[in-house]
C-alpha atoms as a PDB file:
ATOM      1  CA  MET A   1      18.337 132.197 128.997  1.00  0.00           C
ATOM      2  CA  TYR A   2      19.600 128.465 130.771  1.00  0.00           C
ATOM      3  CA  SER A   3      22.054 130.347 133.350  1.00  0.00           C
ATOM      4  CA  PRO A   4      19.452 130.316 135.688  1.00  0.00           C
ATOM      5  CA  VAL A   5      19.294 127.001 135.050  1.00  0.00           C
ATOM      6  CA  VAL A   6      22.805 126.110 135.375  1.00  0.00           C
ATOM      7  CA  LEU A   7      23.283 128.131 138.504  1.00  0.00           C
ATOM      8  CA  GLN A   8      19.852 126.137 140.493  1.00  0.00           C
ATOM      9  CA  TRP A   9      21.428 122.814 138.976  1.00  0.00           C
ATOM     10  CA  LEU A  10      24.309 123.469 141.112  1.00  0.00           C
ATOM     11  CA  TRP A  11      22.297 124.874 143.851  1.00  0.00           C
ATOM     12  CA  LEU A  12      20.388 121.652 143.582  1.00  0.00           C
ATOM     13  CA  SER A  13      23.233 119.323 143.301  1.00  0.00           C
ATOM     14  CA  VAL A  14      24.614 120.934 146.541  1.00  0.00           C
ATOM     15  CA  ARG A  15      20.805 120.712 148.775  1.00  0.00           C
ATOM     16  CA  TYR A  16      20.369 116.788 147.224  1.00  0.00           C
ATOM     17  CA  ARG A  17      23.887 115.928 147.140  1.00  0.00           C
ATOM     18  CA  SER A  18      24.279 114.569 143.836  1.00  0.00           C
ATOM     19  CA  LEU A  19      25.364 116.643 140.454  1.00  0.00           C
ATOM     20  CA  THR A  20      23.638 113.602 138.322  1.00  0.00           C
ATOM     21  CA  LEU A  21      20.722 113.093 140.672  1.00  0.00           C
ATOM     22  CA  PRO A  22      18.190 114.273 137.364  1.00  0.00           C
ATOM     23  CA  LEU A  23      19.810 110.794 134.959  1.00  0.00           C
ATOM     24  CA  ILE A  24      17.782 108.615 137.163  1.00  0.00           C
ATOM     25  CA  ALA A  25      14.568 110.234 136.894  1.00  0.00           C
ATOM     26  CA  ASN A  26      13.430 107.788 134.009  1.00  0.00           C
ATOM     27  CA  PRO A  27      15.223 104.561 135.435  1.00  0.00           C
ATOM     28  CA  THR A  28      15.135 102.239 132.309  1.00  0.00           C
ATOM     29  CA  ILE A  29      16.868 104.029 129.950  1.00  0.00           C
ATOM     30  CA  PRO A  30      20.097 104.960 130.190  1.00  0.00           C
ATOM     31  CA  LEU A  31      20.674 108.620 131.491  1.00  0.00           C
ATOM     32  CA  ALA A  32      16.950 108.983 131.765  1.00  0.00           C
ATOM     33  CA  GLY A  33      17.245 110.044 128.452  1.00  0.00           C
ATOM     34  CA  MET A  34      18.994 113.075 129.028  1.00  0.00           C
ATOM     35  CA  VAL A  35      22.051 112.481 126.471  1.00  0.00           C
ATOM     36  CA  GLY A  36      22.630 109.854 123.638  1.00  0.00           C
ATOM     37  CA  GLY A  37      19.784 108.013 124.207  1.00  0.00           C
ATOM     38  CA  SER A  38      18.523 105.492 121.912  1.00  0.00           C
ATOM     39  CA  LYS A  39      15.050 105.707 120.018  1.00  0.00           C
ATOM     40  CA  ASP A  40      15.369 101.799 119.448  1.00  0.00           C
ATOM     41  CA  LEU A  41      15.649 100.918 122.780  1.00  0.00           C
ATOM     42  CA  LEU A  42      13.143 103.572 124.477  1.00  0.00           C
ATOM     43  CA  MET A  43      10.160 102.635 122.069  1.00  0.00           C
ATOM     44  CA  SER A  44      11.070  98.621 122.386  1.00  0.00           C
ATOM     45  CA  GLN A  45      10.152  99.100 125.928  1.00  0.00           C
ATOM     46  CA  ALA A  46       6.286 100.017 125.396  1.00  0.00           C
ATOM     47  CA  THR A  47       3.687  97.290 125.712  1.00  0.00           C
ATOM     48  CA  GLY A  48      -0.264  97.420 124.919  1.00  0.00           C
ATOM     49  CA  ALA A  49      -1.473 100.562 124.466  1.00  0.00           C
ATOM     50  CA  CYS A  50       1.995 102.712 124.034  1.00  0.00           C
ATOM     51  CA  LYS A  51       3.277  99.741 121.923  1.00  0.00           C
ATOM     52  CA  ASP A  52      -0.066 100.729 120.042  1.00  0.00           C
ATOM     53  CA  ALA A  53       0.052 104.068 119.716  1.00  0.00           C
ATOM     54  CA  ILE A  54       3.299 104.454 118.679  1.00  0.00           C
ATOM     55  CA  LEU A  55       3.986 104.176 114.421  1.00  0.00           C
ATOM     56  CA  PRO A  56       5.514 100.868 113.465  1.00  0.00           C
ATOM     57  CA  TRP A  57       9.889 101.226 112.729  1.00  0.00           C
ATOM     58  CA  VAL A  58      12.643  99.333 112.296  1.00  0.00           C
ATOM     59  CA  MET A  59      16.287  99.907 113.730  1.00  0.00           C
ATOM     60  CA  HIS A  60      19.124  98.972 111.315  1.00  0.00           C
ATOM     61  CA  SER A  61      23.137  99.134 112.573  1.00  0.00           C
ATOM     62  CA  VAL A  62      24.958 100.350 109.792  1.00  0.00           C
ATOM     63  CA  ASN A  63      27.758  97.855 108.701  1.00  0.00           C
ATOM     64  CA  ASP A  64      30.697  97.392 105.826  1.00  0.00           C
ATOM     65  CA  MET A  65      28.309  95.670 103.610  1.00  0.00           C
ATOM     66  CA  PRO A  66      26.998  97.974 100.197  1.00  0.00           C
ATOM     67  CA  ALA A  67      25.557 100.429 101.200  1.00  0.00           C
ATOM     68  CA  ALA A  68      22.882  99.284  98.110  1.00  0.00           C
ATOM     69  CA  SER A  69      22.633  95.432  99.745  1.00  0.00           C
ATOM     70  CA  GLN A  70      21.900  97.310 102.932  1.00  0.00           C
ATOM     71  CA  SER A  71      18.895  99.572 101.609  1.00  0.00           C
ATOM     72  CA  ALA A  72      17.708  96.514 100.004  1.00  0.00           C
ATOM     73  CA  ALA A  73      17.707  94.165 102.895  1.00  0.00           C
ATOM     74  CA  LEU A  74      16.044  97.273 105.399  1.00  0.00           C
ATOM     75  CA  ILE A  75      13.316  98.079 102.736  1.00  0.00           C
ATOM     76  CA  ALA A  76      12.773  94.326 103.066  1.00  0.00           C
ATOM     77  CA  ASN A  77      12.974  93.942 106.844  1.00  0.00           C
ATOM     78  CA  ALA A  78      10.679  97.415 107.129  1.00  0.00           C
ATOM     79  CA  ALA A  79       7.927  95.735 104.728  1.00  0.00           C
ATOM     80  CA  GLU A  80       7.630  92.867 107.029  1.00  0.00           C
ATOM     81  CA  ARG A  81       6.763  95.261 109.448  1.00  0.00           C
ATOM     82  CA  GLY A  82       3.985  97.276 107.148  1.00  0.00           C
ATOM     83  CA  ILE A  83       5.992  99.893 106.638  1.00  0.00           C
ATOM     84  CA  ALA A  84       6.410 100.924 102.871  1.00  0.00           C
ATOM     85  CA  LEU A  85       7.996 103.453 100.923  1.00  0.00           C
ATOM     86  CA  PRO A  86       7.812 106.247 101.650  1.00  0.00           C
ATOM     87  CA  PHE A  87       9.188 106.004 105.416  1.00  0.00           C
ATOM     88  CA  VAL A  88      10.932 108.196 107.866  1.00  0.00           C
ATOM     89  CA  CYS A  89      14.596 107.981 108.505  1.00  0.00           C
ATOM     90  CA  LYS A  90      16.176 109.276 111.837  1.00  0.00           C
ATOM     91  CA  PRO A  91      19.250 108.394 114.216  1.00  0.00           C
ATOM     92  CA  ASP A  92      18.650 106.128 116.524  1.00  0.00           C
ATOM     93  CA  MET A  93      20.873 108.375 118.278  1.00  0.00           C
ATOM     94  CA  GLY A  94      19.957 112.326 118.153  1.00  0.00           C
ATOM     95  CA  CYS A  95      18.051 115.069 119.110  1.00  0.00           C
ATOM     96  CA  ARG A  96      16.855 118.337 117.881  1.00  0.00           C
ATOM     97  CA  GLY A  97      15.625 116.754 114.434  1.00  0.00           C
ATOM     98  CA  ALA A  98      19.250 116.199 113.492  1.00  0.00           C
ATOM     99  CA  GLY A  99      19.517 113.811 110.196  1.00  0.00           C
ATOM    100  CA  VAL A 100      15.470 113.177 109.875  1.00  0.00           C
ATOM    101  CA  LYS A 101      15.132 112.299 106.334  1.00  0.00           C
ATOM    102  CA  LEU A 102      11.610 111.250 104.284  1.00  0.00           C
ATOM    103  CA  ILE A 103      13.076 108.507 101.934  1.00  0.00           C
ATOM    104  CA  ARG A 104      10.896 108.307  98.887  1.00  0.00           C
ATOM    105  CA  SER A 105      13.085 105.498  96.833  1.00  0.00           C
ATOM    106  CA  ALA A 106      15.828 102.989  97.401  1.00  0.00           C
ATOM    107  CA  GLU A 107      18.319 105.232  95.765  1.00  0.00           C
ATOM    108  CA  GLN A 108      17.509 107.951  98.193  1.00  0.00           C
ATOM    109  CA  LEU A 109      18.023 105.287 101.326  1.00  0.00           C
ATOM    110  CA  THR A 110      20.906 104.264  99.732  1.00  0.00           C
ATOM    111  CA  GLN A 111      22.578 107.547  99.498  1.00  0.00           C
ATOM    112  CA  THR A 112      21.606 108.261 103.099  1.00  0.00           C
ATOM    113  CA  LEU A 113      23.159 105.211 104.452  1.00  0.00           C
ATOM    114  CA  SER A 114      26.377 105.761 103.055  1.00  0.00           C
ATOM    115  CA  ALA A 115      26.941 108.988 105.247  1.00  0.00           C
ATOM    116  CA  TYR A 116      26.589 107.111 108.926  1.00  0.00           C
ATOM    117  CA  PRO A 117      29.806 105.200 109.521  1.00  0.00           C
ATOM    118  CA  VAL A 118      30.079 101.621 110.648  1.00  0.00           C
ATOM    119  CA  GLY A 119      28.146 100.635 113.760  1.00  0.00           C
ATOM    120  CA  ALA A 120      26.116 103.951 114.041  1.00  0.00           C
ATOM    121  CA  ALA A 121      22.162 103.089 114.385  1.00  0.00           C
ATOM    122  CA  LEU A 122      19.290 104.445 112.692  1.00  0.00           C
ATOM    123  CA  VAL A 123      15.151 104.217 112.498  1.00  0.00           C
ATOM    124  CA  CYS A 124      13.059 103.739 109.848  1.00  0.00           C
ATOM    125  CA  GLN A 125       9.504 104.622 110.610  1.00  0.00           C
ATOM    126  CA  LYS A 126       6.132 104.279 108.962  1.00  0.00           C
ATOM    127  CA  LEU A 127       4.965 107.552 107.961  1.00  0.00           C
ATOM    128  CA  ALA A 128       2.090 109.119 109.432  1.00  0.00           C
ATOM    129  CA  SER A 129      -1.333 109.140 108.066  1.00  0.00           C
ATOM    130  CA  PHE A 130      -1.843 112.537 109.501  1.00  0.00           C
ATOM    131  CA  GLU A 131       0.306 115.934 108.949  1.00  0.00           C
ATOM    132  CA  PRO A 132      -0.594 118.135 112.193  1.00  0.00           C
ATOM    133  CA  GLU A 133       2.134 117.220 115.000  1.00  0.00           C
ATOM    134  CA  VAL A 134       2.062 118.529 118.752  1.00  0.00           C
ATOM    135  CA  GLY A 135       4.929 118.511 121.925  1.00  0.00           C
ATOM    136  CA  ILE A 136       3.093 116.679 124.857  1.00  0.00           C
ATOM    137  CA  PHE A 137       4.927 116.977 127.674  1.00  0.00           C
ATOM    138  CA  PHE A 138       3.998 114.684 130.075  1.00  0.00           C
ATOM    139  CA  VAL A 139       5.452 114.626 134.198  1.00  0.00           C
ATOM    140  CA  ARG A 140       4.257 111.459 136.538  1.00  0.00           C
ATOM    141  CA  HIS A 141       5.903 111.527 140.285  1.00  0.00           C
ATOM    142  CA  PRO A 142       6.270 107.631 140.997  1.00  0.00           C
ATOM    143  CA  GLN A 143       4.147 107.673 143.775  1.00  0.00           C
ATOM    144  CA  GLN A 144       1.314 109.051 141.595  1.00  0.00           C
ATOM    145  CA  ALA A 145      -0.979 106.425 139.891  1.00  0.00           C
ATOM    146  CA  THR A 146      -1.676 109.111 137.099  1.00  0.00           C
ATOM    147  CA  GLY A 147       0.560 111.877 135.898  1.00  0.00           C
ATOM    148  CA  GLU A 148      -0.561 115.174 133.797  1.00  0.00           C
ATOM    149  CA  ILE A 149       0.215 117.255 130.729  1.00  0.00           C
ATOM    150  CA  VAL A 150       2.255 120.059 131.410  1.00  0.00           C
ATOM    151  CA  SER A 151       2.639 121.488 128.311  1.00  0.00           C
ATOM    152  CA  LEU A 152       0.849 121.506 124.776  1.00  0.00           C
ATOM    153  CA  THR A 153       2.458 122.926 121.630  1.00  0.00           C
ATOM    154  CA  ILE A 154       1.568 122.791 117.938  1.00  0.00           C
ATOM    155  CA  LYS A 155       3.710 122.118 115.683  1.00  0.00           C
ATOM    156  CA  HIS A 156       3.740 124.277 112.579  1.00  0.00           C
ATOM    157  CA  THR A 157       5.695 123.665 109.236  1.00  0.00           C
ATOM    158  CA  PRO A 158       5.478 126.510 107.258  1.00  0.00           C
ATOM    159  CA  SER A 159       4.659 126.381 103.857  1.00  0.00           C
ATOM    160  CA  VAL A 160       3.972 129.191 100.768  1.00  0.00           C
ATOM    161  CA  ILE A 161       1.486 129.269  98.142  1.00  0.00           C
ATOM    162  CA  GLY A 162       2.051 129.535  94.781  1.00  0.00           C
ATOM    163  CA  ASP A 163       0.980 132.471  92.344  1.00  0.00           C
ATOM    164  CA  GLY A 164       2.343 131.291  88.725  1.00  0.00           C
ATOM    165  CA  GLN A 165       4.484 134.745  88.330  1.00  0.00           C
ATOM    166  CA  ARG A 166       7.108 133.727  91.081  1.00  0.00           C
ATOM    167  CA  THR A 167       9.659 131.215  92.464  1.00  0.00           C
ATOM    168  CA  LEU A 168      10.081 129.546  95.707  1.00  0.00           C
ATOM    169  CA  ARG A 169      12.956 131.697  96.489  1.00  0.00           C
ATOM    170  CA  GLU A 170      10.650 135.129  95.611  1.00  0.00           C
ATOM    171  CA  LEU A 171       7.754 133.760  97.476  1.00  0.00           C
ATOM    172  CA  VAL A 172       9.849 132.918 100.911  1.00  0.00           C
ATOM    173  CA  GLU A 173      11.737 135.913 100.605  1.00  0.00           C
ATOM    174  CA  ARG A 174       8.219 138.032 100.709  1.00  0.00           C
ATOM    175  CA  ASP A 175       7.117 136.251 103.475  1.00  0.00           C
ATOM    176  CA  PRO A 176       7.858 138.312 106.944  1.00  0.00           C
ATOM    177  CA  ARG A 177       8.857 135.387 108.899  1.00  0.00           C
ATOM    178  CA  ALA A 178      10.272 133.249 106.257  1.00  0.00           C
ATOM    179  CA  GLY A 179      12.158 135.842 104.894  1.00  0.00           C
ATOM    180  CA  GLN A 180      14.444 135.993 107.715  1.00  0.00           C
ATOM    181  CA  LEU A 181      15.249 131.986 107.309  1.00  0.00           C
ATOM    182  CA  LEU A 182      16.452 131.936 104.303  1.00  0.00           C
ATOM    183  CA  HIS A 183      19.814 129.911 105.155  1.00  0.00           C
ATOM    184  CA  LEU A 184      17.016 127.214 106.399  1.00  0.00           C
ATOM    185  CA  TYR A 185      14.641 126.920 103.643  1.00  0.00           C
ATOM    186  CA  ALA A 186      17.180 127.141 100.932  1.00  0.00           C
ATOM    187  CA  ALA A 187      18.956 124.145 101.745  1.00  0.00           C
ATOM    188  CA  ARG A 188      16.171 122.426 102.214  1.00  0.00           C
ATOM    189  CA  ASN A 189      14.570 123.061  99.027  1.00  0.00           C
ATOM    190  CA  GLU A 190      17.123 123.511  96.548  1.00  0.00           C
ATOM    191  CA  ASN A 191      15.809 121.349  93.928  1.00  0.00           C
ATOM    192  CA  ASP A 192      12.692 123.810  93.774  1.00  0.00           C
ATOM    193  CA  TRP A 193      14.218 126.882  95.248  1.00  0.00           C
ATOM    194  CA  GLU A 194      14.831 128.982  91.496  1.00  0.00           C
ATOM    195  CA  ARG A 195      11.091 126.786  90.151  1.00  0.00           C
ATOM    196  CA  VAL A 196       8.240 128.865  89.269  1.00  0.00           C
ATOM    197  CA  LEU A 197       5.182 127.896  91.886  1.00  0.00           C
ATOM    198  CA  PRO A 198       2.251 127.277  89.923  1.00  0.00           C
ATOM    199  CA  ALA A 199      -1.076 129.204  91.087  1.00  0.00           C
ATOM    200  CA  HIS A 200      -2.461 127.734  94.123  1.00  0.00           C
ATOM    201  CA  GLU A 201       0.679 125.129  94.077  1.00  0.00           C
ATOM    202  CA  VAL A 202       0.986 124.567  98.493  1.00  0.00           C
ATOM    203  CA  HIS A 203       4.600 124.141  98.772  1.00  0.00           C
ATOM    204  CA  ARG A 204       5.946 122.781 102.588  1.00  0.00           C
ATOM    205  CA  LEU A 205       9.288 124.396 103.411  1.00  0.00           C
ATOM    206  CA  LEU A 206      10.437 121.512 105.746  1.00  0.00           C
ATOM    207  CA  PHE A 207       9.262 117.887 106.616  1.00  0.00           C
ATOM    208  CA  CYS A 208      10.667 117.928 110.139  1.00  0.00           C
ATOM    209  CA  ALA A 209       8.814 119.662 112.595  1.00  0.00           C
ATOM    210  CA  SER A 210      11.747 120.815 115.015  1.00  0.00           C
ATOM    211  CA  HIS A 211      11.780 124.754 116.017  1.00  0.00           C
ATOM    212  CA  CYS A 212      15.834 124.639 115.108  1.00  0.00           C
ATOM    213  CA  ARG A 213      15.210 123.830 111.685  1.00  0.00           C
ATOM    214  CA  GLY A 214      12.935 126.372 110.690  1.00  0.00           C
ATOM    215  CA  ALA A 215       8.917 125.319 112.328  1.00  0.00           C
ATOM    216  CA  VAL A 216       7.002 127.522 114.151  1.00  0.00           C
ATOM    217  CA  PHE A 217       5.520 126.491 117.473  1.00  0.00           C
ATOM    218  CA  GLU A 218       2.543 127.337 119.309  1.00  0.00           C
ATOM    219  CA  ASP A 219       1.246 127.571 122.514  1.00  0.00           C
ATOM    220  CA  ALA A 220      -1.806 125.273 122.936  1.00  0.00           C
ATOM    221  CA  ARG A 221      -2.227 124.306 126.717  1.00  0.00           C
ATOM    222  CA  GLY A 222      -5.780 125.987 126.594  1.00  0.00           C
ATOM    223  CA  LEU A 223      -6.370 123.042 124.183  1.00  0.00           C
ATOM    224  CA  ILE A 224      -5.765 120.292 127.131  1.00  0.00           C
ATOM    225  CA  THR A 225      -8.657 118.171 127.948  1.00  0.00           C
ATOM    226  CA  GLN A 226      -9.979 116.011 130.395  1.00  0.00           C
ATOM    227  CA  ALA A 227     -10.294 113.292 127.245  1.00  0.00           C
ATOM    228  CA  LEU A 228      -6.936 114.028 126.018  1.00  0.00           C
ATOM    229  CA  SER A 229      -5.099 113.975 129.689  1.00  0.00           C
ATOM    230  CA  GLU A 230      -6.890 110.500 130.515  1.00  0.00           C
ATOM    231  CA  THR A 231      -5.802 108.988 126.921  1.00  0.00           C
ATOM    232  CA  ILE A 232      -2.032 110.279 127.573  1.00  0.00           C
ATOM    233  CA  ASN A 233      -2.097 108.528 131.096  1.00  0.00           C
ATOM    234  CA  ARG A 234      -3.240 105.150 129.484  1.00  0.00           C
ATOM    235  CA  ILE A 235      -0.722 105.338 127.103  1.00  0.00           C
ATOM    236  CA  MET A 236       2.027 105.839 129.233  1.00  0.00           C
ATOM    237  CA  ALA A 237       0.818 103.822 132.018  1.00  0.00           C
ATOM    238  CA  ASP A 238       2.678 100.936 129.440  1.00  0.00           C
ATOM    239  CA  LEU A 239       6.027 102.787 128.989  1.00  0.00           C
ATOM    240  CA  PRO A 240       7.157 101.467 132.279  1.00  0.00           C
ATOM    241  CA  GLU A 241       8.652 103.552 134.786  1.00  0.00           C
ATOM    242  CA  PHE A 242       8.940 106.658 132.560  1.00  0.00           C
ATOM    243  CA  TYR A 243       8.329 109.565 134.719  1.00  0.00           C
ATOM    244  CA  TYR A 244       9.039 112.669 132.593  1.00  0.00           C
ATOM    245  CA  GLY A 245       9.346 113.835 129.052  1.00  0.00           C
ATOM    246  CA  ARG A 246       8.202 114.741 125.670  1.00  0.00           C
ATOM    247  CA  LEU A 247       5.418 112.797 123.335  1.00  0.00           C
ATOM    248  CA  ASP A 248       5.453 114.004 119.403  1.00  0.00           C
ATOM    249  CA  VAL A 249       2.484 112.774 118.561  1.00  0.00           C
ATOM    250  CA  LYS A 250       0.436 113.194 114.889  1.00  0.00           C
ATOM    251  CA  PHE A 251      -3.452 114.158 114.943  1.00  0.00           C
ATOM    252  CA  GLU A 252      -5.986 114.247 112.753  1.00  0.00           C
ATOM    253  CA  ASP A 253      -7.308 117.519 113.258  1.00  0.00           C
ATOM    254  CA  LEU A 254      -8.246 119.906 117.143  1.00  0.00           C
ATOM    255  CA  GLU A 255     -11.435 117.838 117.591  1.00  0.00           C
ATOM    256  CA  ALA A 256      -9.936 114.164 117.785  1.00  0.00           C
ATOM    257  CA  LEU A 257      -6.392 115.695 119.604  1.00  0.00           C
ATOM    258  CA  GLN A 258      -8.724 116.711 122.486  1.00  0.00           C
ATOM    259  CA  ALA A 259     -11.065 114.083 121.949  1.00  0.00           C
ATOM    260  CA  GLY A 260      -7.789 111.943 122.557  1.00  0.00           C
ATOM    261  CA  ARG A 261      -8.739 110.142 119.634  1.00  0.00           C
ATOM    262  CA  LYS A 262      -6.031 108.420 116.841  1.00  0.00           C
ATOM    263  CA  LEU A 263      -3.259 109.556 117.926  1.00  0.00           C
ATOM    264  CA  GLU A 264       0.229 108.516 116.450  1.00  0.00           C
ATOM    265  CA  ILE A 265       2.897 108.719 118.756  1.00  0.00           C
ATOM    266  CA  VAL A 266       6.388 109.607 116.499  1.00  0.00           C
ATOM    267  CA  GLU A 267       8.479 109.622 119.330  1.00  0.00           C
ATOM    268  CA  ILE A 268       9.326 109.788 122.858  1.00  0.00           C
ATOM    269  CA  ASN A 269      11.770 112.099 124.219  1.00  0.00           C
ATOM    270  CA  GLY A 270      13.468 111.413 127.749  1.00  0.00           C
ATOM    271  CA  ALA A 271      15.001 113.790 130.550  1.00  0.00           C
ATOM    272  CA  SER A 272      16.490 116.411 127.926  1.00  0.00           C
ATOM    273  CA  SER A 273      13.430 117.427 126.522  1.00  0.00           C
ATOM    274  CA  GLU A 274      11.503 120.502 127.322  1.00  0.00           C
ATOM    275  CA  SER A 275       8.324 122.073 127.455  1.00  0.00           C
ATOM    276  CA  ILE A 276       7.947 123.552 124.264  1.00  0.00           C
ATOM    277  CA  HIS A 277       5.570 126.129 124.360  1.00  0.00           C
ATOM    278  CA  ILE A 278       8.187 128.284 125.274  1.00  0.00           C
ATOM    279  CA  TRP A 279       9.086 128.444 122.116  1.00  0.00           C
ATOM    280  CA  ASP A 280       6.247 130.474 120.989  1.00  0.00           C
ATOM    281  CA  LYS A 281       6.917 133.767 118.876  1.00  0.00           C
ATOM    282  CA  ASP A 282       4.485 135.595 121.901  1.00  0.00           C
ATOM    283  CA  ALA A 283       5.950 133.790 124.745  1.00  0.00           C
ATOM    284  CA  ARG A 284       7.794 135.809 127.768  1.00  0.00           C
ATOM    285  CA  LEU A 285      10.847 135.334 128.653  1.00  0.00           C
ATOM    286  CA  GLY A 286      10.330 135.243 132.519  1.00  0.00           C
ATOM    287  CA  ASP A 287       7.903 133.051 131.744  1.00  0.00           C
ATOM    288  CA  ALA A 288      10.248 130.352 129.562  1.00  0.00           C
ATOM    289  CA  ILE A 289      12.659 130.461 132.561  1.00  0.00           C
ATOM    290  CA  ARG A 290      10.102 129.940 135.229  1.00  0.00           C
ATOM    291  CA  THR A 291       9.053 126.979 133.131  1.00  0.00           C
ATOM    292  CA  LEU A 292      12.624 125.476 132.900  1.00  0.00           C
ATOM    293  CA  LEU A 293      13.670 125.730 136.340  1.00  0.00           C
ATOM    294  CA  TRP A 294      10.220 124.345 137.369  1.00  0.00           C
ATOM    295  CA  GLN A 295      11.282 121.134 135.109  1.00  0.00           C
ATOM    296  CA  TYR A 296      14.821 120.722 136.726  1.00  0.00           C
ATOM    297  CA  ARG A 297      13.285 121.261 140.029  1.00  0.00           C
ATOM    298  CA  THR A 298      10.949 118.249 139.001  1.00  0.00           C
ATOM    299  CA  LEU A 299      13.514 115.813 137.679  1.00  0.00           C
ATOM    300  CA  PHE A 300      15.796 116.492 141.051  1.00  0.00           C
ATOM    301  CA  LYS A 301      12.565 115.596 142.708  1.00  0.00           C
ATOM    302  CA  ILE A 302      11.865 112.602 141.148  1.00  0.00           C
ATOM    303  CA  GLY A 303      15.430 111.117 140.811  1.00  0.00           C
ATOM    304  CA  ALA A 304      15.551 112.081 144.917  1.00  0.00           C
ATOM    305  CA  TYR A 305      12.621 109.934 145.369  1.00  0.00           C
ATOM    306  CA  LEU A 306      14.378 107.042 142.961  1.00  0.00           C
ATOM    307  CA  ARG A 307      17.645 106.769 145.054  1.00  0.00           C
ATOM    308  CA  LYS A 308      15.841 106.435 147.914  1.00  0.00           C
ATOM    309  CA  GLN A 309      13.992 103.100 146.565  1.00  0.00           C
ATOM    310  CA  GLY A 310      17.761 101.471 145.401  1.00  0.00           C
ATOM    311  CA  TYR A 311      18.549 103.249 142.558  1.00  0.00           C
ATOM    312  CA  THR A 312      22.306 104.336 141.781  1.00  0.00           C
ATOM    313  CA  THR A 313      23.263 107.624 140.247  1.00  0.00           C
ATOM    314  CA  PRO A 314      25.595 107.538 137.148  1.00  0.00           C
ATOM    315  CA  GLY A 315      29.130 109.318 137.101  1.00  0.00           C
ATOM    316  CA  ILE A 316      30.149 112.333 135.137  1.00  0.00           C
ATOM    317  CA  ARG A 317      32.265 109.793 133.104  1.00  0.00           C
ATOM    318  CA  SER A 318      29.221 108.426 131.958  1.00  0.00           C
ATOM    319  CA  LEU A 319      27.484 111.611 131.042  1.00  0.00           C
ATOM    320  CA  LEU A 320      30.750 112.604 129.127  1.00  0.00           C
ATOM    321  CA  SER A 321      30.850 109.269 127.283  1.00  0.00           C
ATOM    322  CA  HIS A 322      27.412 109.228 126.249  1.00  0.00           C
ATOM    323  CA  TRP A 323      27.330 113.258 124.870  1.00  0.00           C
ATOM    324  CA  LEU A 324      31.077 112.892 123.446  1.00  0.00           C
ATOM    325  CA  LEU A 325      29.417 109.596 121.351  1.00  0.00           C
ATOM    326  CA  GLU A 326      26.171 111.724 120.319  1.00  0.00           C
ATOM    327  CA  ARG A 327      27.885 114.628 119.279  1.00  0.00           C
ATOM    328  CA  ARG A 328      30.600 112.417 117.301  1.00  0.00           C
ATOM    329  CA  LEU A 329      27.455 110.752 115.243  1.00  0.00           C
ATOM    330  CA  THR A 330      25.679 113.884 114.796  1.00  0.00           C
ATOM    331  CA  ARG A 331      28.702 114.912 112.287  1.00  0.00           C
ATOM    332  CA  TYR A 332      27.883 112.261 109.981  1.00  0.00           C
ATOM    333  CA  TYR A 333      23.841 112.650 109.942  1.00  0.00           C
ATOM    334  CA  PRO A 334      22.488 114.056 106.554  1.00  0.00           C
ATOM    335  CA  GLU A 335      20.943 117.413 106.019  1.00  0.00           C
ATOM    336  CA  THR A 336      17.420 116.843 107.570  1.00  0.00           C
ATOM    337  CA  ASP A 337      14.499 117.404 105.057  1.00  0.00           C
END
């Protein structure tokens, strides 16, 4: 599916005389957030409505102190920001849900910190008030006062309902879709895998709403409203020079989402993010490819304009070094919940 994207990138590189032009599309973050980006660095630039919408977080750089001591200090630091256990812990540099953990205790945080090498950074974030989550893809050309929601996708975290007779494994095996992903769900439900679920008990199979981790994506572009667009534009106006990316947002219900009310931003992703409605089970391959091609054409167009404003494109060496660093750190990240 990405072969046409690669070919288009090469063609646009010749046309615009730069292989790395998309890497200045969000000029205030390294490589526009294409690879090796810091979640803390990006979210720290938010002010006003954007800052208020992002769930509170603290960043911690792993050091050579005992993990238990770091855990205690981190919990105390988080408490000062109003973040109490349970909270979410995730790598500061990472993508596709790598290393995301729901931390319920100091002992679990200690174990998680022990997995990281010295110098690696992680983010601890307040648990959202709501379970439902959407991916909102937002694009604004630097010359325009307002941007556009070009994609809206609901992220479903699969669950099964107990019948008082079957184990969790048996319930998952009987599900037409989940039964094909036993290798994903077994690892994330190891402690309950052979437990008989009581009748009517709802068991979530995963915490992280990432497609590659087993979440189900549903195209929800039909739910985009003027009110939601206005809210997202108001929020993104307070993130300086951010023109292209996806917001992962928790919401109360569909009515509140369409009204643009009570939105809680979990994360903001830069140039490497996608319009994830293309992963809906009913999406057509041709439509998905056209969406991706449009995205990268847009990145080049934004980059071309910003280059005229004086921004300098990075070299291939910078891109490669960030990619290698992210890849090296990812090997240490604990199993995603």
